[in-house]
C-alpha cells in the first residue's frame, strides 16, 4: 500500500472534552499504527501519538478537529481513531 494522506473531520462530543483519559486512549490507539498521525485545530497541528500534545489543544465538547494520517495504514488508523471519538471514547471499556 502506498503512503497516502487521509483526513477526516471529527467533533469532540465527550462532555469533559479531550481531558487526560480520552487523550491517553487516543494516543494509545494511534501508537498501534505505523502511519504519522496528527490532529489539527485551525492552524495548530499536534502529534496524535502524544498525550501531552493532545492535551495542549484544549479540545472541549463541540470542538471540531481534523485527524490526518500519512503512511501505509493511514485509512485504517483514521477510521479507528474517528470511531473512538464518535463513540465518546467508550470503545476501550467495551468487552472484547
Protein backbone atom coordinates (compact mmCIF):
# COMPACT_ATOMS: atom_id res chain seq x y z
CA UNK A 1 0.00 0.00 0.00
CA UNK A 2 1.27 3.48 -0.78
CA UNK A 3 1.90 6.23 1.72
CA UNK A 4 -1.34 8.09 1.18
CA UNK A 5 -2.59 11.00 3.26
CA UNK A 6 -6.05 10.53 4.75
CA UNK A 7 -8.04 13.13 6.67
CA UNK A 8 -11.35 13.13 8.49
CA UNK A 9 -13.25 15.83 10.36
CA UNK A 10 -14.38 14.91 13.85
CA UNK A 11 -16.22 16.68 16.66
CA UNK A 12 -15.46 16.11 20.33
CA UNK A 13 -18.80 15.17 21.92
CA UNK A 14 -17.45 13.96 25.26
CA UNK A 15 -18.90 16.21 28.00
CA UNK A 16 -15.48 16.87 29.53
CA UNK A 17 -13.76 17.29 26.17
CA UNK A 18 -10.41 15.65 25.47
CA UNK A 19 -9.07 15.55 29.01
CA UNK A 20 -6.33 13.22 30.23
CA UNK A 21 -8.16 9.89 29.92
CA UNK A 22 -9.51 10.40 26.37
CA UNK A 23 -6.14 11.82 25.28
CA UNK A 24 -4.42 8.72 26.65
CA UNK A 25 -6.91 6.46 24.88
CA UNK A 26 -6.48 8.31 21.58
CA UNK A 27 -2.67 8.26 21.79
CA UNK A 28 -2.58 4.59 22.79
CA UNK A 29 -4.78 3.68 19.82
CA UNK A 30 -2.70 5.89 17.47
CA UNK A 31 0.50 4.17 18.58
CA UNK A 32 -0.84 0.91 17.13
CA UNK A 33 -0.33 2.29 13.61
CA UNK A 34 2.82 2.84 11.60
CA UNK A 35 1.47 5.99 9.93
CA UNK A 36 2.22 9.51 11.09
CA UNK A 37 -0.93 10.72 12.85
CA UNK A 38 -1.69 14.33 13.67
CA UNK A 39 -4.68 16.28 14.95
CA UNK A 40 -5.39 19.74 13.58
CA UNK A 41 -7.29 22.53 15.28
CA UNK A 42 -7.45 25.54 13.00
CA UNK A 43 -3.74 26.32 12.38
CA UNK A 44 -2.44 24.20 15.26
CA UNK A 45 -1.06 20.73 14.43
CA UNK A 46 -0.08 18.20 17.10
CA UNK A 47 1.27 14.65 17.22
CA UNK A 48 -1.67 12.28 17.68
CA UNK A 49 0.59 9.77 19.40
CA UNK A 50 1.49 12.16 22.23
CA UNK A 51 -0.83 12.58 25.20
CA UNK A 52 0.78 15.88 26.15
CA UNK A 53 0.46 17.27 22.64
CA UNK A 54 -3.20 16.26 22.50
CA UNK A 55 -3.88 17.99 25.81
CA UNK A 56 -2.37 21.25 24.52
CA UNK A 57 -5.26 21.52 22.06
CA UNK A 58 -7.66 22.18 24.93
CA UNK A 59 -10.40 20.46 22.91
CA UNK A 60 -13.72 20.92 24.70
CA UNK A 61 -17.12 19.48 23.89
CA UNK A 62 -18.10 20.70 20.43
CA UNK A 63 -14.53 21.32 19.24
CA UNK A 64 -14.05 20.43 15.58
CA UNK A 65 -10.75 18.72 14.77
CA UNK A 66 -9.19 17.05 11.75
CA UNK A 67 -7.43 13.71 12.04
CA UNK A 68 -4.66 13.45 9.46
CA UNK A 69 -2.67 10.28 8.86
CA UNK A 70 0.03 9.55 6.32
CA UNK A 71 1.54 6.15 5.80
CA UNK A 72 0.81 2.59 4.78
CA UNK A 73 -2.06 2.10 7.25
CA UNK A 74 -3.42 5.67 7.19
CA UNK A 75 -7.00 4.80 6.26
CA UNK A 76 -7.24 2.11 8.93
CA UNK A 77 -5.79 4.49 11.54
CA UNK A 78 -8.15 7.34 10.70
CA UNK A 79 -11.16 5.01 10.71
CA UNK A 80 -10.27 3.55 14.12
CA UNK A 81 -9.49 6.92 15.71
CA UNK A 82 -12.62 8.57 14.32
CA UNK A 83 -14.71 5.67 15.65
CA UNK A 84 -13.14 6.09 19.08
CA UNK A 85 -14.05 9.79 19.14
CA UNK A 86 -17.52 9.25 17.66
CA UNK A 87 -18.28 6.78 20.45
CA UNK A 88 -17.15 9.30 23.08
CA UNK A 89 -14.05 7.25 23.90
CA UNK A 90 -16.22 4.37 25.16
CA UNK A 91 -14.74 1.65 22.91
CA UNK A 92 -11.93 0.87 25.34
CA UNK A 93 -14.48 -0.01 28.03
CA UNK A 94 -16.43 -2.40 25.81
CA UNK A 95 -15.90 -6.13 26.43
CA UNK A 96 -13.90 -7.87 23.72
